[in-house]
Amino acid sequence: MNDLEGIRLAPKQILAERLLDAPRDLVWRAWTDVSHLGEWWGPRGFTTTTQHGVVETGGEWRFTMHGPDGHDYENIIVFVEVNEPSRLRYRHRGAGETEDVRFEVEVRFAEEGSRTRLTMTMHFPSDELRDHLIETRGALEGLEGHLARLAEHLVLQDPFTIVRTFEAPLDLVWKAHTDADRLAKWWGVKGMATTVKRFELSPGGIFLYGMRTPAGQEMWGRFVYREITPMHRLVYVSSFSDPEGALTRAPFFADWPLEVLNVLTLEEGGGRTTLTLRGGPLNANEAERARFRGHHESMRGGFGATYDQLAAYLASGDR
């Protein structure tokens, strides 16, 4: 076993396994519907554009992966076997690459109650090619991020969503979310003063903050950032915490999810900026997921009050 959870090596193979918080039919669609695939496919930081996609035995998916370094990577997948909803087998190579760098992938989908156990086996012509891709292309880290993005995509299929348009340009709204001093002036529960104890705007970095009522009562929370696309997108996991950043249960419900995945996107038009926030429980049990679903409306009110504070801050002229 290597040091990446759920991923190991075997002769001419990379094997991965992950238990996903979603029913098998949804996981299957995420792997076989190109509209789903474009939302999560690839390592962290990559986006995907489909040129052609037919997911059936003998069909092809031709797509471009756009890397965070600005380079584009053309890919071709040929489906060898499509056995809905339990098994996929396909050949994968970069467009223009020779046959000797082609590898084959088998993906199995097994029901475990309301969850799905996904197992993925990548078959290579040789250990040398496998090791070359690991050493030069970060294949193991890329695969870990790939499957993590799938898990996140599944979490957000029935999300809490709030949309808000601000009378401010994109760069100011982005700075309000990504600068510690600015965040302290608007983020948090209405009527509570926010202090920032730790702020690291990078993948894996933490935003640790405290909120205090006028009577002196304190509450702590944290974000752990997963993806940052400047001026456009933040992906982070939010949690209640103690003052040192360790996870704690919510002060109001014992069965509130410990972790909530959030995807925040910003779009500018006509000098205004539209913010969309989608969130869903991560690594949660059914009781926690039900509690979260049952409080979408109250969350909408809470976030609405927080974004009222952001609107006032943006209008204040503090640049």
Protein backbone atom coordinates (compact mmCIF):
# COMPACT_ATOMS: atom_id res chain seq x y z
CA MET A 1 0.00 0.00 0.00
CA ASN A 2 1.32 3.45 -0.84
CA ASP A 3 0.72 6.52 1.30
CA LEU A 4 -2.47 7.56 -0.53
CA GLU A 5 -5.57 6.17 1.15
CA GLY A 6 -7.44 3.58 -0.91
CA ILE A 7 -4.76 3.36 -3.63
CA ARG A 8 -2.18 0.60 -4.02
CA LEU A 9 0.12 -0.93 -6.61
CA ALA A 10 0.19 -4.43 -8.07
CA PRO A 11 2.20 -5.84 -10.99
CA LYS A 12 1.38 -3.66 -14.05
CA GLN A 13 -1.54 -2.13 -12.14
CA ILE A 14 -2.77 0.76 -10.02
CA LEU A 15 -5.77 -0.18 -7.89
CA ALA A 16 -8.12 2.23 -6.12
CA GLU A 17 -11.16 1.76 -3.93
CA ARG A 18 -13.60 4.28 -2.46
CA LEU A 19 -16.91 4.06 -0.60
CA LEU A 20 -19.16 6.81 -1.95
CA ASP A 21 -22.11 8.44 -0.19
CA ALA A 22 -24.50 7.98 -3.12
CA PRO A 23 -26.69 5.24 -4.61
CA ARG A 24 -25.25 3.14 -7.40
CA ASP A 25 -27.50 4.52 -10.15
CA LEU A 26 -26.27 8.05 -9.42
CA VAL A 27 -22.61 6.98 -9.34
CA TRP A 28 -23.13 5.15 -12.63
CA ARG A 29 -24.62 8.27 -14.24
CA ALA A 30 -21.70 10.34 -12.97
CA TRP A 31 -19.35 8.02 -14.91
CA THR A 32 -21.43 7.59 -18.06
CA ASP A 33 -23.23 10.90 -18.70
CA VAL A 34 -20.87 13.41 -20.31
CA SER A 35 -22.73 16.30 -18.67
CA HIS A 36 -21.77 14.79 -15.30
CA LEU A 37 -18.24 13.90 -16.42
CA GLY A 38 -17.47 17.48 -17.37
CA GLU A 39 -18.23 18.59 -13.81
CA TRP A 40 -15.69 16.41 -11.99
CA TRP A 41 -13.32 14.54 -14.29
CA GLY A 42 -9.58 14.94 -13.79
CA PRO A 43 -7.15 15.92 -11.02
CA ARG A 44 -7.76 18.98 -8.88
CA GLY A 45 -7.34 22.22 -10.78
CA PHE A 46 -8.33 20.74 -14.15
CA THR A 47 -11.47 21.41 -16.18
CA THR A 48 -12.81 19.24 -18.98
CA THR A 49 -14.44 20.01 -22.33
CA THR A 50 -16.10 17.25 -24.36
CA GLN A 51 -15.78 17.18 -28.16
CA HIS A 52 -17.61 13.90 -28.67
CA GLY A 53 -19.11 11.40 -26.25
CA VAL A 54 -20.94 8.10 -26.80
CA VAL A 55 -20.86 5.86 -23.74
CA GLU A 56 -21.66 2.41 -25.10
CA THR A 57 -19.65 -0.65 -26.01
CA GLY A 58 -17.40 0.46 -28.89
CA GLY A 59 -18.22 4.13 -28.31
CA GLU A 60 -15.71 6.92 -27.77
CA TRP A 61 -15.34 9.91 -25.49
CA ARG A 62 -12.99 12.56 -26.90
CA PHE A 63 -12.25 15.40 -24.51
CA THR A 64 -9.77 18.11 -23.59
CA MET A 65 -8.44 18.52 -20.08
CA HIS A 66 -7.44 22.11 -19.35
CA GLY A 67 -4.63 22.19 -16.82
CA PRO A 68 -4.02 24.84 -14.16
CA ASP A 69 -0.72 25.57 -15.95
CA GLY A 70 -2.65 26.77 -19.01
CA HIS A 71 -1.85 23.70 -21.11
CA ASP A 72 -4.52 21.62 -22.85
CA TYR A 73 -4.34 17.82 -22.92
CA GLU A 74 -6.30 15.93 -25.58
CA ASN A 75 -7.66 12.52 -24.54
CA ILE A 76 -9.50 9.60 -26.10
CA ILE A 77 -11.41 6.92 -24.23
CA VAL A 78 -12.76 3.89 -26.12
CA PHE A 79 -15.35 1.86 -24.21
CA VAL A 80 -14.64 -1.86 -24.40
CA GLU A 81 -17.50 -2.93 -22.14
CA VAL A 82 -20.47 -1.01 -20.74
CA ASN A 83 -22.45 -3.24 -18.38
CA GLU A 84 -25.00 -1.01 -16.63
CA PRO A 85 -24.94 -0.43 -13.68
CA SER A 86 -22.10 -2.58 -12.41
CA ARG A 87 -19.06 -2.49 -14.70
CA LEU A 88 -17.17 -0.30 -17.14
CA ARG A 89 -14.05 -1.18 -19.09
CA TYR A 90 -12.27 1.27 -21.36
CA ARG A 91 -8.95 2.09 -23.06
CA HIS A 92 -7.49 5.53 -22.35
CA ARG A 93 -4.73 7.41 -24.12
CA GLY A 94 -3.72 10.92 -25.02
CA ALA A 95 -4.57 11.99 -28.55
CA GLY A 96 -1.48 11.55 -30.69
CA GLU A 97 0.18 9.19 -28.22
CA THR A 98 1.37 5.83 -29.49
CA GLU A 99 -0.23 2.52 -28.64
CA ASP A 100 2.52 1.64 -26.17
CA VAL A 101 1.36 4.33 -23.73
CA ARG A 102 -2.25 3.22 -23.80
CA PHE A 103 -3.68 1.77 -20.60
CA GLU A 104 -6.94 0.02 -19.83
CA VAL A 105 -9.27 0.75 -16.93
CA GLU A 106 -11.91 -1.39 -15.26
CA VAL A 107 -14.41 0.27 -12.91
CA ARG A 108 -16.82 -1.75 -10.77
CA PHE A 109 -19.82 -0.37 -8.89
CA ALA A 110 -21.18 -2.41 -5.95
CA GLU A 111 -24.18 -1.49 -3.80
CA GLU A 112 -23.67 -1.25 -0.04
CA GLY A 113 -27.03 -0.13 1.29
CA SER A 114 -27.55 3.46 0.17
CA ARG A 115 -23.85 3.77 -0.66
CA THR A 116 -21.67 2.54 -3.53
CA ARG A 117 -18.28 0.87 -3.33
CA LEU A 118 -16.26 1.83 -6.37
CA THR A 119 -13.19 -0.19 -7.31
CA MET A 120 -10.95 0.94 -10.14
CA THR A 121 -8.12 -1.03 -11.72
CA MET A 122 -5.73 0.57 -14.19
CA HIS A 123 -3.88 -2.01 -16.32
CA PHE A 124 -0.57 -1.01 -17.96
CA PRO A 125 1.52 -2.81 -20.58
CA SER A 126 4.48 -2.81 -18.17
CA ASP A 127 5.59 -1.80 -14.70
CA GLU A 128 7.99 0.63 -16.39
CA LEU A 129 5.19 2.58 -18.06
CA ARG A 130 3.14 2.60 -14.86
CA ASP A 131 6.11 3.87 -12.86
CA HIS A 132 6.94 6.45 -15.53
CA LEU A 133 3.44 7.93 -15.25
CA ILE A 134 3.68 7.92 -11.46
CA GLU A 135 7.05 9.67 -11.45
CA THR A 136 6.61 12.16 -14.28
CA ARG A 137 2.87 12.86 -14.30
CA GLY A 138 1.91 12.40 -10.65
CA ALA A 139 -0.48 9.57 -11.51
CA LEU A 140 -1.18 8.56 -7.91
CA GLU A 141 -1.86 12.06 -6.62
CA GLY A 142 -3.91 12.78 -9.74
CA LEU A 143 -6.00 9.66 -9.20
CA GLU A 144 -6.58 10.56 -5.55
CA GLY A 145 -7.80 14.03 -6.54
CA HIS A 146 -9.87 12.55 -9.37
CA LEU A 147 -11.82 10.28 -7.02
CA ALA A 148 -12.13 12.99 -4.38
CA ARG A 149 -13.71 15.28 -6.98
CA LEU A 150 -16.15 12.50 -7.89
CA ALA A 151 -17.16 12.16 -4.22
CA GLU A 152 -17.65 15.93 -4.01
CA HIS A 153 -19.70 15.99 -7.21
CA LEU A 154 -22.02 13.33 -5.79
CA VAL A 155 -22.47 15.24 -2.53
CA LEU A 156 -23.65 18.28 -4.50
CA GLN A 157 -26.35 16.58 -6.55
CA ASP A 158 -29.06 17.72 -4.08
CA PRO A 159 -27.36 20.71 -2.44
CA PHE A 160 -28.34 23.63 -0.29
CA THR A 161 -28.11 26.57 -2.72
CA ILE A 162 -28.17 30.31 -2.31
CA VAL A 163 -27.68 32.90 -5.06
CA ARG A 164 -27.00 36.57 -4.40
CA THR A 165 -26.11 39.48 -6.69
CA PHE A 166 -24.01 42.34 -5.33
CA GLU A 167 -23.68 45.87 -6.65
CA ALA A 168 -19.91 45.57 -6.83
CA PRO A 169 -17.31 44.46 -9.38
CA LEU A 170 -15.91 40.95 -9.29
CA ASP A 171 -12.47 41.88 -7.99
CA LEU A 172 -13.92 43.50 -4.85
CA VAL A 173 -16.20 40.55 -4.07
CA TRP A 174 -13.27 38.17 -4.59
CA LYS A 175 -11.04 40.21 -2.27
CA ALA A 176 -13.79 40.22 0.36
CA HIS A 177 -13.65 36.41 0.37
CA THR A 178 -9.90 35.97 0.14
CA ASP A 179 -8.37 38.62 2.40
CA ALA A 180 -8.36 37.96 6.16
CA ASP A 181 -8.89 41.60 7.20
CA ARG A 182 -11.82 42.00 4.82
CA LEU A 183 -13.41 38.70 5.89
CA ALA A 184 -13.38 39.77 9.52
CA LYS A 185 -15.50 42.81 8.64
CA TRP A 186 -18.49 40.87 7.29
CA TRP A 187 -18.26 37.08 7.70
CA GLY A 188 -20.23 35.34 10.43
CA VAL A 189 -23.53 35.31 12.27
CA LYS A 190 -25.42 38.61 12.41
CA GLY A 191 -24.82 40.37 15.70
CA MET A 192 -21.53 38.59 16.43
CA ALA A 193 -18.05 40.05 16.02
CA THR A 194 -15.62 37.93 13.99
CA THR A 195 -11.90 37.53 14.62
CA VAL A 196 -9.53 35.64 12.34
CA LYS A 197 -7.00 33.44 14.12
CA ARG A 198 -5.52 31.68 11.09
CA PHE A 199 -5.84 32.27 7.37
CA GLU A 200 -4.08 30.30 4.65
CA LEU A 201 -5.56 30.75 1.19
CA SER A 202 -4.12 27.67 -0.51
CA PRO A 203 -5.28 24.11 -1.16
CA GLY A 204 -5.18 22.41 2.24
CA GLY A 205 -4.99 25.79 3.99
CA ILE A 206 -7.25 26.76 6.88
CA PHE A 207 -9.40 29.76 7.69
CA LEU A 208 -9.95 29.56 11.47
CA TYR A 209 -12.24 32.17 12.97
CA GLY A 210 -14.06 32.97 16.19
CA MET A 211 -17.37 34.76 16.69
CA ARG A 212 -18.34 36.56 19.91
CA THR A 213 -21.72 37.89 21.06
CA PRO A 214 -21.97 41.24 22.88
CA ALA A 215 -22.46 39.18 26.06
CA GLY A 216 -19.11 37.45 25.52
CA GLN A 217 -20.26 34.02 24.31
CA GLU A 218 -17.89 32.46 21.73
CA MET A 219 -18.29 30.08 18.81
CA TRP A 220 -15.52 28.86 16.53
CA GLY A 221 -15.46 27.56 12.98
CA ARG A 222 -13.05 26.70 10.20
CA PHE A 223 -12.78 26.29 6.44
CA VAL A 224 -10.32 23.88 4.85
CA TYR A 225 -9.72 24.95 1.26
CA ARG A 226 -9.66 22.30 -1.48
CA GLU A 227 -9.67 24.25 -4.74
CA ILE A 228 -9.02 27.90 -5.54
CA THR A 229 -9.63 29.32 -9.02
CA PRO A 230 -8.76 33.02 -8.77
CA MET A 231 -11.65 35.41 -9.37
CA HIS A 232 -14.10 32.58 -9.96
CA ARG A 233 -14.32 29.59 -7.59
CA LEU A 234 -13.61 28.44 -4.05
CA VAL A 235 -14.14 24.87 -2.86
CA TYR A 236 -13.84 24.33 0.88
CA VAL A 237 -15.05 22.18 3.77
CA SER A 238 -16.67 24.10 6.62
CA SER A 239 -16.97 22.83 10.19
CA PHE A 240 -17.50 23.95 13.74
CA SER A 241 -14.29 23.79 15.73
CA ASP A 242 -12.56 24.64 18.97
CA PRO A 243 -10.19 27.64 19.20
CA GLU A 244 -7.30 25.45 18.01
CA GLY A 245 -9.15 24.29 14.88
CA ALA A 246 -10.09 20.76 15.99
CA LEU A 247 -13.50 19.56 14.78
CA THR A 248 -16.42 19.83 17.18
CA ARG A 249 -20.12 19.15 16.98
CA ALA A 250 -22.48 22.02 16.24
CA PRO A 251 -23.70 23.76 19.41
CA PHE A 252 -27.34 23.47 18.34
CA PHE A 253 -27.79 19.86 17.04
CA ALA A 254 -25.89 16.72 18.03
CA ASP A 255 -26.62 15.21 14.62
CA TRP A 256 -25.55 18.17 12.50
CA PRO A 257 -22.91 17.03 9.94
CA LEU A 258 -19.35 17.46 11.16
CA GLU A 259 -18.24 18.59 7.70
CA VAL A 260 -20.04 20.44 4.91
CA LEU A 261 -18.59 20.69 1.42
CA ASN A 262 -19.11 24.11 -0.18
CA VAL A 263 -18.60 25.30 -3.75
CA LEU A 264 -18.72 29.08 -4.17
CA THR A 265 -18.64 30.60 -7.65
CA LEU A 266 -18.60 34.22 -8.78
CA GLU A 267 -19.72 35.65 -12.14
CA GLU A 268 -19.55 39.30 -13.23
CA GLY A 269 -21.94 41.13 -15.51
CA GLY A 270 -22.56 44.83 -15.97
CA GLY A 271 -20.40 45.79 -13.02
CA ARG A 272 -22.36 43.52 -10.69
CA THR A 273 -21.27 40.17 -9.27
CA THR A 274 -23.46 37.12 -8.79
CA LEU A 275 -22.44 34.69 -6.07
CA THR A 276 -23.69 31.10 -6.03
CA LEU A 277 -23.05 28.90 -3.02
CA ARG A 278 -23.84 25.18 -3.06
CA GLY A 279 -23.25 22.94 -0.06
CA GLY A 280 -23.86 19.43 1.18
CA PRO A 281 -22.85 17.11 4.04
CA LEU A 282 -19.53 15.31 3.62
CA ASN A 283 -18.81 11.89 5.18
CA ALA A 284 -22.22 12.07 6.89
CA ASN A 285 -24.63 9.36 8.03
CA GLU A 286 -28.30 9.32 7.03
CA ALA A 287 -29.46 11.10 10.21
CA GLU A 288 -26.98 13.90 9.58
CA ARG A 289 -27.97 14.20 5.94
CA ALA A 290 -31.65 14.32 6.92
CA ARG A 291 -31.00 17.02 9.53
CA PHE A 292 -29.15 19.11 6.95
CA ARG A 293 -31.90 18.71 4.34
CA GLY A 294 -34.54 19.69 6.89
CA HIS A 295 -32.87 23.02 7.64
CA HIS A 296 -32.30 24.43 4.17
CA GLU A 297 -34.82 27.21 4.77
CA SER A 298 -33.32 28.35 8.08
CA MET A 299 -29.85 28.19 6.50
CA ARG A 300 -31.11 30.40 3.70
CA GLY A 301 -32.13 32.96 6.29
CA GLY A 302 -28.80 32.76 8.10
CA PHE A 303 -26.72 33.08 4.95
CA GLY A 304 -29.04 35.83 3.76
CA ALA A 305 -28.22 37.86 6.88
CA THR A 306 -24.49 37.19 6.43
CA TYR A 307 -24.62 38.32 2.81
CA ASP A 308 -26.52 41.42 3.90
CA GLN A 309 -23.39 42.20 5.92
CA LEU A 310 -21.25 41.59 2.85
CA ALA A 311 -23.45 43.92 0.77
CA ALA A 312 -23.09 46.64 3.42
CA TYR A 313 -19.34 46.16 3.55
CA LEU A 314 -19.02 46.37 -0.25
CA ALA A 315 -21.10 49.56 -0.23
CA SER A 316 -19.00 51.12 2.51
CA GLY A 317 -16.18 52.07 0.15
CA ASP A 318 -13.56 50.11 2.12
CA ARG A 319 -11.13 49.04 -0.60
